[in-house]
Amino acid sequence: MKIVLALAVLLSAACSSSGPEACRAAGGECVIGAHVCPNRGPQDCNPDRNPGGAFCCLPCPNGKNANDAGTACE
């Protein structure tokens, strides 16, 4: 039971975390707003200095590639 509870706490923390560390942990990189990104993640990469100004760009899921414009995963 303790293992299940610990896992639930870790998963809820990972889902609610934000910032560059959370972005890197998800396999992405922080980029500035005008950057073209096929898979924008929910992590706010710059929550203290410039809210909404930087976001997490994640790779496309396995089996998918970015389209020619690089704006979506296909």
C-alpha atoms as a PDB file:
ATOM      1  CA  MET A   1       0.000   0.000   0.000  1.00  0.00           C
ATOM      2  CA  LYS A   2       2.846   2.384   0.802  1.00  0.00           C
ATOM      3  CA  ILE A   3       4.352   1.838  -2.656  1.00  0.00           C
ATOM      4  CA  VAL A   4       1.047   2.647  -4.354  1.00  0.00           C
ATOM      5  CA  LEU A   5       0.675   5.811  -2.285  1.00  0.00           C
ATOM      6  CA  ALA A   6       4.259   6.900  -3.004  1.00  0.00           C
ATOM      7  CA  LEU A   7       3.754   6.297  -6.734  1.00  0.00           C
ATOM      8  CA  ALA A   8       0.533   8.333  -6.707  1.00  0.00           C
ATOM      9  CA  VAL A   9       2.323  11.235  -4.998  1.00  0.00           C
ATOM     10  CA  LEU A  10       5.182  11.130  -7.510  1.00  0.00           C
ATOM     11  CA  LEU A  11       2.819  11.030 -10.483  1.00  0.00           C
ATOM     12  CA  SER A  12       0.724  13.922  -9.212  1.00  0.00           C
ATOM     13  CA  ALA A  13       3.863  15.985  -8.609  1.00  0.00           C
ATOM     14  CA  ALA A  14       5.123  15.250 -12.112  1.00  0.00           C
ATOM     15  CA  CYS A  15       1.815  16.241 -13.670  1.00  0.00           C
ATOM     16  CA  SER A  16       1.627  19.529 -11.800  1.00  0.00           C
ATOM     17  CA  SER A  17       5.280  20.501 -12.053  1.00  0.00           C
ATOM     18  CA  SER A  18       6.393  23.369 -14.203  1.00  0.00           C
ATOM     19  CA  GLY A  19       9.558  25.035 -15.301  1.00  0.00           C
ATOM     20  CA  PRO A  20      12.625  24.057 -17.322  1.00  0.00           C
ATOM     21  CA  GLU A  21      13.317  20.981 -15.179  1.00  0.00           C
ATOM     22  CA  ALA A  22       9.858  19.571 -15.896  1.00  0.00           C
ATOM     23  CA  CYS A  23      10.294  20.243 -19.604  1.00  0.00           C
ATOM     24  CA  ARG A  24      13.648  18.446 -19.739  1.00  0.00           C
ATOM     25  CA  ALA A  25      12.223  15.559 -17.706  1.00  0.00           C
ATOM     26  CA  ALA A  26       9.481  15.201 -20.350  1.00  0.00           C
ATOM     27  CA  GLY A  27      12.135  15.008 -23.088  1.00  0.00           C
ATOM     28  CA  GLY A  28      11.645  18.531 -24.414  1.00  0.00           C
ATOM     29  CA  GLU A  29      13.455  21.831 -24.500  1.00  0.00           C
ATOM     30  CA  CYS A  30      12.401  25.331 -23.524  1.00  0.00           C
ATOM     31  CA  VAL A  31      11.966  27.742 -26.426  1.00  0.00           C
ATOM     32  CA  ILE A  32      10.785  31.341 -26.841  1.00  0.00           C
ATOM     33  CA  GLY A  33       7.239  32.034 -28.062  1.00  0.00           C
ATOM     34  CA  ALA A  34       7.910  32.614 -31.787  1.00  0.00           C
ATOM     35  CA  HIS A  35       9.693  29.254 -32.170  1.00  0.00           C
ATOM     36  CA  VAL A  36       8.006  26.699 -34.475  1.00  0.00           C
ATOM     37  CA  CYS A  37       7.199  23.592 -32.468  1.00  0.00           C
ATOM     38  CA  PRO A  38       5.256  20.526 -33.621  1.00  0.00           C
ATOM     39  CA  ASN A  39       4.328  19.360 -30.125  1.00  0.00           C
ATOM     40  CA  ARG A  40       3.898  22.077 -27.519  1.00  0.00           C
ATOM     41  CA  GLY A  41       3.922  20.743 -23.959  1.00  0.00           C
ATOM     42  CA  PRO A  42       1.973  22.087 -20.980  1.00  0.00           C
ATOM     43  CA  GLN A  43       5.106  23.058 -19.044  1.00  0.00           C
ATOM     44  CA  ASP A  44       5.707  26.795 -18.578  1.00  0.00           C
ATOM     45  CA  CYS A  45       9.456  27.174 -18.968  1.00  0.00           C
ATOM     46  CA  ASN A  46       9.706  30.647 -17.532  1.00  0.00           C
ATOM     47  CA  PRO A  47       7.003  31.051 -14.894  1.00  0.00           C
ATOM     48  CA  ASP A  48       8.767  33.650 -12.740  1.00  0.00           C
ATOM     49  CA  ARG A  49      10.453  36.025 -15.189  1.00  0.00           C
ATOM     50  CA  ASN A  50       8.206  36.081 -18.253  1.00  0.00           C
ATOM     51  CA  PRO A  51       4.929  34.173 -17.798  1.00  0.00           C
ATOM     52  CA  GLY A  52       3.820  32.639 -21.068  1.00  0.00           C
ATOM     53  CA  GLY A  53       6.933  33.867 -22.889  1.00  0.00           C
ATOM     54  CA  ALA A  54       8.689  30.513 -23.029  1.00  0.00           C
ATOM     55  CA  PHE A  55       7.194  27.081 -23.485  1.00  0.00           C
ATOM     56  CA  CYS A  56       8.210  23.461 -23.653  1.00  0.00           C
ATOM     57  CA  CYS A  57       8.712  22.009 -27.129  1.00  0.00           C
ATOM     58  CA  LEU A  58       8.383  18.230 -26.977  1.00  0.00           C
ATOM     59  CA  PRO A  59       9.393  15.771 -29.685  1.00  0.00           C
ATOM     60  CA  CYS A  60       6.634  14.091 -31.678  1.00  0.00           C
ATOM     61  CA  PRO A  61       5.393  10.842 -30.147  1.00  0.00           C
ATOM     62  CA  ASN A  62       6.969   7.622 -31.405  1.00  0.00           C
ATOM     63  CA  GLY A  63       5.854   6.783 -34.924  1.00  0.00           C
ATOM     64  CA  LYS A  64       5.005  10.386 -35.795  1.00  0.00           C
ATOM     65  CA  ASN A  65       7.064  13.069 -37.514  1.00  0.00           C
ATOM     66  CA  ALA A  66       6.704  16.834 -37.761  1.00  0.00           C
ATOM     67  CA  ASN A  67       4.950  18.034 -40.902  1.00  0.00           C
ATOM     68  CA  ASP A  68       6.870  20.100 -43.478  1.00  0.00           C
ATOM     69  CA  ALA A  69       6.008  23.365 -41.744  1.00  0.00           C
ATOM     70  CA  GLY A  70       7.069  21.915 -38.384  1.00  0.00           C
ATOM     71  CA  THR A  71       3.835  23.037 -36.734  1.00  0.00           C
ATOM     72  CA  ALA A  72       2.208  19.676 -35.958  1.00  0.00           C
ATOM     73  CA  CYS A  73       2.975  15.987 -35.584  1.00  0.00           C
ATOM     74  CA  GLU A  74       1.631  13.667 -38.271  1.00  0.00           C
END
